[in-house]
PDB file of N, CA and C in Angstrom:
ATOM      1  N   MET A   1     165.859  65.575 110.058  1.00  0.00           N
ATOM      2  CA  MET A   1     166.425  66.162 111.257  1.00  0.00           C
ATOM      3  C   MET A   1     165.299  66.330 112.286  1.00  0.00           C
ATOM      4  N   ARG A   2     165.539  65.812 113.478  1.00  0.00           N
ATOM      5  CA  ARG A   2     164.506  65.918 114.508  1.00  0.00           C
ATOM      6  C   ARG A   2     164.566  67.268 115.210  1.00  0.00           C
ATOM      7  N   ARG A   3     163.455  67.623 115.809  1.00  0.00           N
ATOM      8  CA  ARG A   3     163.380  68.889 116.530  1.00  0.00           C
ATOM      9  C   ARG A   3     164.070  68.780 117.880  1.00  0.00           C
ATOM     10  N   LEU A   4     164.771  69.827 118.242  1.00  0.00           N
ATOM     11  CA  LEU A   4     165.429  69.868 119.548  1.00  0.00           C
ATOM     12  C   LEU A   4     164.454  70.370 120.603  1.00  0.00           C
ATOM     13  N   THR A   5     164.633  69.881 121.813  1.00  0.00           N
ATOM     14  CA  THR A   5     163.888  70.431 122.943  1.00  0.00           C
ATOM     15  C   THR A   5     164.618  71.685 123.424  1.00  0.00           C
ATOM     16  N   CYS A   6     163.959  72.455 124.273  1.00  0.00           N
ATOM     17  CA  CYS A   6     164.611  73.642 124.834  1.00  0.00           C
ATOM     18  C   CYS A   6     165.827  73.242 125.671  1.00  0.00           C
ATOM     19  N   LYS A   7     165.722  72.151 126.394  1.00  0.00           N
ATOM     20  CA  LYS A   7     166.841  71.688 127.219  1.00  0.00           C
ATOM     21  C   LYS A   7     168.044  71.337 126.341  1.00  0.00           C
ATOM     22  N   GLU A   8     167.792  70.617 125.244  1.00  0.00           N
ATOM     23  CA  GLU A   8     168.881  70.255 124.333  1.00  0.00           C
ATOM     24  C   GLU A   8     169.484  71.504 123.683  1.00  0.00           C
ATOM     25  N   THR A   9     168.628  72.436 123.319  1.00  0.00           N
ATOM     26  CA  THR A   9     169.086  73.662 122.677  1.00  0.00           C
ATOM     27  C   THR A   9     169.950  74.486 123.623  1.00  0.00           C
ATOM     28  N   SER A  10     169.502  74.640 124.860  1.00  0.00           N
ATOM     29  CA  SER A  10     170.288  75.430 125.812  1.00  0.00           C
ATOM     30  C   SER A  10     171.637  74.768 126.080  1.00  0.00           C
ATOM     31  N   LEU A  11     171.675  73.449 126.114  1.00  0.00           N
ATOM     32  CA  LEU A  11     172.951  72.745 126.296  1.00  0.00           C
ATOM     33  C   LEU A  11     173.882  73.010 125.116  1.00  0.00           C
ATOM     34  N   LEU A  12     173.347  72.926 123.902  1.00  0.00           N
ATOM     35  CA  LEU A  12     174.174  73.176 122.716  1.00  0.00           C
ATOM     36  C   LEU A  12     174.640  74.630 122.653  1.00  0.00           C
ATOM     37  N   VAL A  13     173.774  75.549 123.034  1.00  0.00           N
ATOM     38  CA  VAL A  13     174.173  76.965 123.063  1.00  0.00           C
ATOM     39  C   VAL A  13     175.329  77.146 124.033  1.00  0.00           C
ATOM     40  N   SER A  14     175.236  76.532 125.204  1.00  0.00           N
ATOM     41  CA  SER A  14     176.317  76.619 126.188  1.00  0.00           C
ATOM     42  C   SER A  14     177.603  76.007 125.644  1.00  0.00           C
ATOM     43  N   GLN A  15     177.494  74.861 125.017  1.00  0.00           N
ATOM     44  CA  GLN A  15     178.669  74.196 124.466  1.00  0.00           C
ATOM     45  C   GLN A  15     179.291  75.004 123.333  1.00  0.00           C
ATOM     46  N   SER A  16     178.466  75.740 122.603  1.00  0.00           N
ATOM     47  CA  SER A  16     178.978  76.510 121.461  1.00  0.00           C
ATOM     48  C   SER A  16     179.900  77.640 121.899  1.00  0.00           C
ATOM     49  N   LEU A  17     179.878  77.980 123.182  1.00  0.00           N
ATOM     50  CA  LEU A  17     180.797  78.996 123.683  1.00  0.00           C
ATOM     51  C   LEU A  17     182.223  78.455 123.757  1.00  0.00           C
ATOM     52  N   ASP A  18     182.354  77.143 123.900  1.00  0.00           N
ATOM     53  CA  ASP A  18     183.667  76.523 124.082  1.00  0.00           C
ATOM     54  C   ASP A  18     184.166  75.753 122.868  1.00  0.00           C
ATOM     55  N   ARG A  19     183.262  75.423 121.982  1.00  0.00           N
ATOM     56  CA  ARG A  19     183.662  74.654 120.788  1.00  0.00           C
ATOM     57  C   ARG A  19     182.726  74.988 119.638  1.00  0.00           C
ATOM     58  N   LYS A  20     183.219  74.775 118.426  1.00  0.00           N
ATOM     59  CA  LYS A  20     182.377  74.994 117.250  1.00  0.00           C
ATOM     60  C   LYS A  20     181.478  73.769 117.085  1.00  0.00           C
ATOM     61  N   LEU A  21     180.187  74.028 117.023  1.00  0.00           N
ATOM     62  CA  LEU A  21     179.246  72.933 116.853  1.00  0.00           C
ATOM     63  C   LEU A  21     179.315  72.404 115.424  1.00  0.00           C
ATOM     64  N   PRO A  22     179.088  71.100 115.255  1.00  0.00           N
ATOM     65  CA  PRO A  22     179.014  70.565 113.894  1.00  0.00           C
ATOM     66  C   PRO A  22     177.850  71.218 113.141  1.00  0.00           C
ATOM     67  N   TRP A  23     177.937  71.198 111.841  1.00  0.00           N
ATOM     68  CA  TRP A  23     176.958  71.852 110.982  1.00  0.00           C
ATOM     69  C   TRP A  23     175.525  71.454 111.338  1.00  0.00           C
ATOM     70  N   GLY A  24     175.266  70.167 111.516  1.00  0.00           N
ATOM     71  CA  GLY A  24     173.910  69.689 111.798  1.00  0.00           C
ATOM     72  C   GLY A  24     173.346  70.261 113.089  1.00  0.00           C
ATOM     73  N   GLU A  25     174.188  70.341 114.109  1.00  0.00           N
ATOM     74  CA  GLU A  25     173.740  70.903 115.384  1.00  0.00           C
ATOM     75  C   GLU A  25     173.476  72.401 115.267  1.00  0.00           C
ATOM     76  N   ARG A  26     174.334  73.100 114.519  1.00  0.00           N
ATOM     77  CA  ARG A  26     174.118  74.548 114.321  1.00  0.00           C
ATOM     78  C   ARG A  26     172.788  74.800 113.619  1.00  0.00           C
ATOM     79  N   VAL A  27     172.495  73.991 112.604  1.00  0.00           N
ATOM     80  CA  VAL A  27     171.234  74.144 111.867  1.00  0.00           C
ATOM     81  C   VAL A  27     170.050  73.834 112.781  1.00  0.00           C
ATOM     82  N   ALA A  28     170.157  72.771 113.562  1.00  0.00           N
ATOM     83  CA  ALA A  28     169.068  72.403 114.469  1.00  0.00           C
ATOM     84  C   ALA A  28     168.798  73.502 115.491  1.00  0.00           C
ATOM     85  N   VAL A  29     169.854  74.113 116.008  1.00  0.00           N
ATOM     86  CA  VAL A  29     169.694  75.204 116.975  1.00  0.00           C
ATOM     87  C   VAL A  29     169.018  76.392 116.300  1.00  0.00           C
ATOM     88  N   ARG A  30     169.456  76.741 115.115  1.00  0.00           N
ATOM     89  CA  ARG A  30     168.844  77.883 114.407  1.00  0.00           C
ATOM     90  C   ARG A  30     167.379  77.627 114.095  1.00  0.00           C
ATOM     91  N   LEU A  31     167.048  76.407 113.708  1.00  0.00           N
ATOM     92  CA  LEU A  31     165.646  76.069 113.454  1.00  0.00           C
ATOM     93  C   LEU A  31     164.829  76.190 114.740  1.00  0.00           C
ATOM     94  N   HIS A  32     165.399  75.773 115.844  1.00  0.00           N
ATOM     95  CA  HIS A  32     164.708  75.892 117.131  1.00  0.00           C
ATOM     96  C   HIS A  32     164.446  77.365 117.458  1.00  0.00           C
ATOM     97  N   PHE A  33     165.417  78.216 117.177  1.00  0.00           N
ATOM     98  CA  PHE A  33     165.263  79.653 117.442  1.00  0.00           C
ATOM     99  C   PHE A  33     164.100  80.258 116.661  1.00  0.00           C
ATOM    100  N   LEU A  34     163.794  79.692 115.500  1.00  0.00           N
ATOM    101  CA  LEU A  34     162.680  80.212 114.697  1.00  0.00           C
ATOM    102  C   LEU A  34     161.343  80.067 115.414  1.00  0.00           C
ATOM    103  N   ARG A  35     161.239  79.074 116.278  1.00  0.00           N
ATOM    104  CA  ARG A  35     159.964  78.848 116.961  1.00  0.00           C
ATOM    105  C   ARG A  35     160.026  79.068 118.461  1.00  0.00           C
ATOM    106  N   CYS A  36     161.198  79.410 118.991  1.00  0.00           N
ATOM    107  CA  CYS A  36     161.317  79.559 120.442  1.00  0.00           C
ATOM    108  C   CYS A  36     162.081  80.833 120.797  1.00  0.00           C
ATOM    109  N   GLU A  37     161.327  81.840 121.160  1.00  0.00           N
ATOM    110  CA  GLU A  37     161.925  83.127 121.522  1.00  0.00           C
ATOM    111  C   GLU A  37     162.718  83.031 122.831  1.00  0.00           C
ATOM    112  N   ALA A  38     162.296  82.164 123.746  1.00  0.00           N
ATOM    113  CA  ALA A  38     162.985  82.038 125.038  1.00  0.00           C
ATOM    114  C   ALA A  38     164.414  81.522 124.855  1.00  0.00           C
ATOM    115  N   CYS A  39     164.611  80.542 124.009  1.00  0.00           N
ATOM    116  CA  CYS A  39     165.957  80.011 123.776  1.00  0.00           C
ATOM    117  C   CYS A  39     166.822  81.020 123.025  1.00  0.00           C
ATOM    118  N   LYS A  40     166.212  81.756 122.139  1.00  0.00           N
ATOM    119  CA  LYS A  40     166.929  82.814 121.427  1.00  0.00           C
ATOM    120  C   LYS A  40     167.413  83.872 122.428  1.00  0.00           C
ATOM    121  N   ARG A  41     166.551  84.211 123.374  1.00  0.00           N
ATOM    122  CA  ARG A  41     166.905  85.181 124.409  1.00  0.00           C
ATOM    123  C   ARG A  41     168.007  84.618 125.314  1.00  0.00           C
ATOM    124  N   PHE A  42     167.916  83.298 125.629  1.00  0.00           N
ATOM    125  CA  PHE A  42     168.943  82.653 126.445  1.00  0.00           C
ATOM    126  C   PHE A  42     170.308  82.786 125.783  1.00  0.00           C
ATOM    127  N   LYS A  43     170.373  82.566 124.472  1.00  0.00           N
ATOM    128  CA  LYS A  43     171.642  82.680 123.759  1.00  0.00           C
ATOM    129  C   LYS A  43     172.192  84.101 123.878  1.00  0.00           C
ATOM    130  N   ALA A  44     171.335  85.091 123.688  1.00  0.00           N
ATOM    131  CA  ALA A  44     171.781  86.489 123.797  1.00  0.00           C
ATOM    132  C   ALA A  44     172.279  86.788 125.211  1.00  0.00           C
ATOM    133  N   GLN A  45     171.585  86.272 126.214  1.00  0.00           N
ATOM    134  CA  GLN A  45     171.981  86.519 127.599  1.00  0.00           C
ATOM    135  C   GLN A  45     173.318  85.855 127.930  1.00  0.00           C
ATOM    136  N   ILE A  46     173.501  84.637 127.502  1.00  0.00           N
ATOM    137  CA  ILE A  46     174.736  83.924 127.823  1.00  0.00           C
ATOM    138  C   ILE A  46     175.924  84.549 127.084  1.00  0.00           C
ATOM    139  N   GLN A  47     175.695  85.056 125.869  1.00  0.00           N
ATOM    140  CA  GLN A  47     176.755  85.757 125.150  1.00  0.00           C
ATOM    141  C   GLN A  47     177.106  87.073 125.858  1.00  0.00           C
ATOM    142  N   PHE A  48     176.085  87.774 126.351  1.00  0.00           N
ATOM    143  CA  PHE A  48     176.309  89.013 127.086  1.00  0.00           C
ATOM    144  C   PHE A  48     177.135  88.739 128.349  1.00  0.00           C
ATOM    145  N   LEU A  49     176.771  87.689 129.090  1.00  0.00           N
ATOM    146  CA  LEU A  49     177.496  87.352 130.312  1.00  0.00           C
ATOM    147  C   LEU A  49     178.954  86.991 130.017  1.00  0.00           C
ATOM    148  N   ARG A  50     179.177  86.258 128.952  1.00  0.00           N
ATOM    149  CA  ARG A  50     180.545  85.880 128.587  1.00  0.00           C
ATOM    150  C   ARG A  50     181.390  87.116 128.293  1.00  0.00           C
ATOM    151  N   LYS A  51     180.824  88.049 127.519  1.00  0.00           N
ATOM    152  CA  LYS A  51     181.551  89.280 127.208  1.00  0.00           C
ATOM    153  C   LYS A  51     181.807  90.105 128.463  1.00  0.00           C
ATOM    154  N   ALA A  52     180.822  90.158 129.355  1.00  0.00           N
ATOM    155  CA  ALA A  52     180.980  90.929 130.593  1.00  0.00           C
ATOM    156  C   ALA A  52     182.100  90.342 131.451  1.00  0.00           C
ATOM    157  N   VAL A  53     182.166  89.033 131.545  1.00  0.00           N
ATOM    158  CA  VAL A  53     183.214  88.379 132.331  1.00  0.00           C
ATOM    159  C   VAL A  53     184.582  88.634 131.696  1.00  0.00           C
ATOM    160  N   GLN A  54     184.650  88.545 130.381  1.00  0.00           N
ATOM    161  CA  GLN A  54     185.916  88.808 129.696  1.00  0.00           C
ATOM    162  C   GLN A  54     186.380  90.239 129.933  1.00  0.00           C
ATOM    163  N   ARG A  55     185.456  91.186 129.826  1.00  0.00           N
ATOM    164  CA  ARG A  55     185.811  92.596 130.064  1.00  0.00           C
ATOM    165  C   ARG A  55     186.245  92.800 131.513  1.00  0.00           C
ATOM    166  N   GLY A  56     185.545  92.141 132.431  1.00  0.00           N
ATOM    167  CA  GLY A  56     185.919  92.247 133.839  1.00  0.00           C
ATOM    168  C   GLY A  56     187.315  91.708 134.091  1.00  0.00           C
ATOM    169  N   ALA A  57     187.635  90.586 133.463  1.00  0.00           N
ATOM    170  CA  ALA A  57     188.972  90.004 133.615  1.00  0.00           C
ATOM    171  C   ALA A  57     190.028  90.942 133.044  1.00  0.00           C
ATOM    172  N   GLU A  58     189.721  91.575 131.915  1.00  0.00           N
ATOM    173  CA  GLU A  58     190.661  92.527 131.325  1.00  0.00           C
ATOM    174  C   GLU A  58     190.888  93.716 132.256  1.00  0.00           C
ATOM    175  N   LYS A  59     189.806  94.198 132.861  1.00  0.00           N
ATOM    176  CA  LYS A  59     189.919  95.339 133.772  1.00  0.00           C
ATOM    177  C   LYS A  59     190.756  94.962 134.998  1.00  0.00           C
ATOM    178  N   ILE A  60     190.553  93.764 135.515  1.00  0.00           N
ATOM    179  CA  ILE A  60     191.335  93.308 136.666  1.00  0.00           C
ATOM    180  C   ILE A  60     192.808  93.219 136.295  1.00  0.00           C
ATOM    181  N   GLU A  61     193.071  92.682 135.118  1.00  0.00           N
ATOM    182  CA  GLU A  61     194.464  92.567 134.673  1.00  0.00           C
ATOM    183  C   GLU A  61     195.098  93.948 134.505  1.00  0.00           C
ATOM    184  N   GLU A  62     194.334  94.881 133.931  1.00  0.00           N
ATOM    185  CA  GLU A  62     194.853  96.240 133.766  1.00  0.00           C
ATOM    186  C   GLU A  62     195.149  96.868 135.128  1.00  0.00           C
ATOM    187  N   ALA A  63     194.242  96.703 136.062  1.00  0.00           N
ATOM    188  CA  ALA A  63     194.420  97.297 137.394  1.00  0.00           C
ATOM    189  C   ALA A  63     195.611  96.678 138.111  1.00  0.00           C
ATOM    190  N   SER A  64     195.765  95.372 138.010  1.00  0.00           N
ATOM    191  CA  SER A  64     196.881  94.729 138.695  1.00  0.00           C
ATOM    192  C   SER A  64     198.205  95.078 138.023  1.00  0.00           C
ATOM    193  N   ALA A  65     198.171  95.308 136.723  1.00  0.00           N
ATOM    194  CA  ALA A  65     199.392  95.678 136.011  1.00  0.00           C
ATOM    195  C   ALA A  65     199.892  97.040 136.464  1.00  0.00           C
ATOM    196  N   LEU A  66     198.988  97.883 136.886  1.00  0.00           N
ATOM    197  CA  LEU A  66     199.385  99.211 137.335  1.00  0.00           C
ATOM    198  C   LEU A  66     200.046  99.168 138.707  1.00  0.00           C
ATOM    199  N   LYS A  67     199.724  98.166 139.498  1.00  0.00           N
ATOM    200  CA  LYS A  67     200.202  98.120 140.873  1.00  0.00           C
ATOM    201  C   LYS A  67     201.401  97.200 141.079  1.00  0.00           C
ATOM    202  N   LEU A  68     201.544  96.193 140.227  1.00  0.00           N
ATOM    203  CA  LEU A  68     202.626  95.233 140.398  1.00  0.00           C
ATOM    204  C   LEU A  68     203.754  95.513 139.419  1.00  0.00           C
ATOM    205  N   SER A  69     204.948  95.264 139.873  1.00  0.00           N
ATOM    206  CA  SER A  69     206.083  95.392 138.961  1.00  0.00           C
ATOM    207  C   SER A  69     206.082  94.186 138.026  1.00  0.00           C
ATOM    208  N   ALA A  70     206.774  94.328 136.910  1.00  0.00           N
ATOM    209  CA  ALA A  70     206.842  93.235 135.938  1.00  0.00           C
ATOM    210  C   ALA A  70     207.431  91.966 136.546  1.00  0.00           C
ATOM    211  N   PRO A  71     208.507  92.042 137.314  1.00  0.00           N
ATOM    212  CA  PRO A  71     209.047  90.817 137.920  1.00  0.00           C
ATOM    213  C   PRO A  71     208.044  90.157 138.887  1.00  0.00           C
ATOM    214  N   ALA A  72     207.297  90.973 139.615  1.00  0.00           N
ATOM    215  CA  ALA A  72     206.308  90.419 140.555  1.00  0.00           C
ATOM    216  C   ALA A  72     205.217  89.689 139.793  1.00  0.00           C
ATOM    217  N   ARG A  73     204.752  90.271 138.687  1.00  0.00           N
ATOM    218  CA  ARG A  73     203.721  89.613 137.874  1.00  0.00           C
ATOM    219  C   ARG A  73     204.230  88.282 137.338  1.00  0.00           C
ATOM    220  N   GLN A  74     205.486  88.261 136.893  1.00  0.00           N
ATOM    221  CA  GLN A  74     206.061  87.029 136.355  1.00  0.00           C
ATOM    222  C   GLN A  74     206.163  85.947 137.428  1.00  0.00           C
ATOM    223  N   ARG A  75     206.569  86.316 138.627  1.00  0.00           N
ATOM    224  CA  ARG A  75     206.659  85.348 139.727  1.00  0.00           C
ATOM    225  C   ARG A  75     205.282  84.760 140.043  1.00  0.00           C
ATOM    226  N   ILE A  76     204.295  85.598 140.071  1.00  0.00           N
ATOM    227  CA  ILE A  76     202.932  85.132 140.368  1.00  0.00           C
ATOM    228  C   ILE A  76     202.443  84.207 139.266  1.00  0.00           C
ATOM    229  N   LYS A  77     202.672  84.568 138.007  1.00  0.00           N
ATOM    230  CA  LYS A  77     202.258  83.718 136.890  1.00  0.00           C
ATOM    231  C   LYS A  77     202.932  82.352 136.956  1.00  0.00           C
ATOM    232  N   ARG A  78     204.228  82.340 137.258  1.00  0.00           N
ATOM    233  CA  ARG A  78     204.950  81.058 137.365  1.00  0.00           C
ATOM    234  C   ARG A  78     204.381  80.214 138.505  1.00  0.00           C
ATOM    235  N   ALA A  79     204.111  80.851 139.625  1.00  0.00           N
ATOM    236  CA  ALA A  79     203.564  80.125 140.776  1.00  0.00           C
ATOM    237  C   ALA A  79     202.190  79.545 140.450  1.00  0.00           C
ATOM    238  N   LEU A  80     201.383  80.292 139.745  1.00  0.00           N
ATOM    239  CA  LEU A  80     200.045  79.798 139.385  1.00  0.00           C
ATOM    240  C   LEU A  80     200.130  78.637 138.400  1.00  0.00           C
ATOM    241  N   ARG A  81     201.069  78.721 137.471  1.00  0.00           N
ATOM    242  CA  ARG A  81     201.224  77.628 136.509  1.00  0.00           C
ATOM    243  C   ARG A  81     201.667  76.338 137.204  1.00  0.00           C
ATOM    244  N   LYS A  82     202.503  76.452 138.216  1.00  0.00           N
ATOM    245  CA  LYS A  82     202.983  75.266 138.953  1.00  0.00           C
ATOM    246  C   LYS A  82     201.844  74.592 139.698  1.00  0.00           C
ATOM    247  N   GLN A  83     200.844  75.353 140.116  1.00  0.00           N
ATOM    248  CA  GLN A  83     199.726  74.801 140.879  1.00  0.00           C
ATOM    249  C   GLN A  83     198.759  74.013 140.018  1.00  0.00           C
ATOM    250  N   LYS A  84     198.766  74.208 138.716  1.00  0.00           N
ATOM    251  CA  LYS A  84     197.815  73.509 137.822  1.00  0.00           C
ATOM    252  C   LYS A  84     198.127  72.088 137.709  1.00  0.00           C
TER     253      LYS A  84
END
């Protein structure tokens, strides 16, 4: 197994947020973390940002749910789905 560069590692870390990496790539990333504190920190930061965005989206949804009636929310959801 060849060593990953920091650029390759950061790309795989980013991709791992959206898909499960194959076993070999997961092992290569973990091995890279053993010798590279910066990439390890990058992973922690990107995970923190993802959680923060998710929490923010939940808060927005909660706030909008308090102000909109159920039929209004449904109309908006249908309209947004049609635009995709």
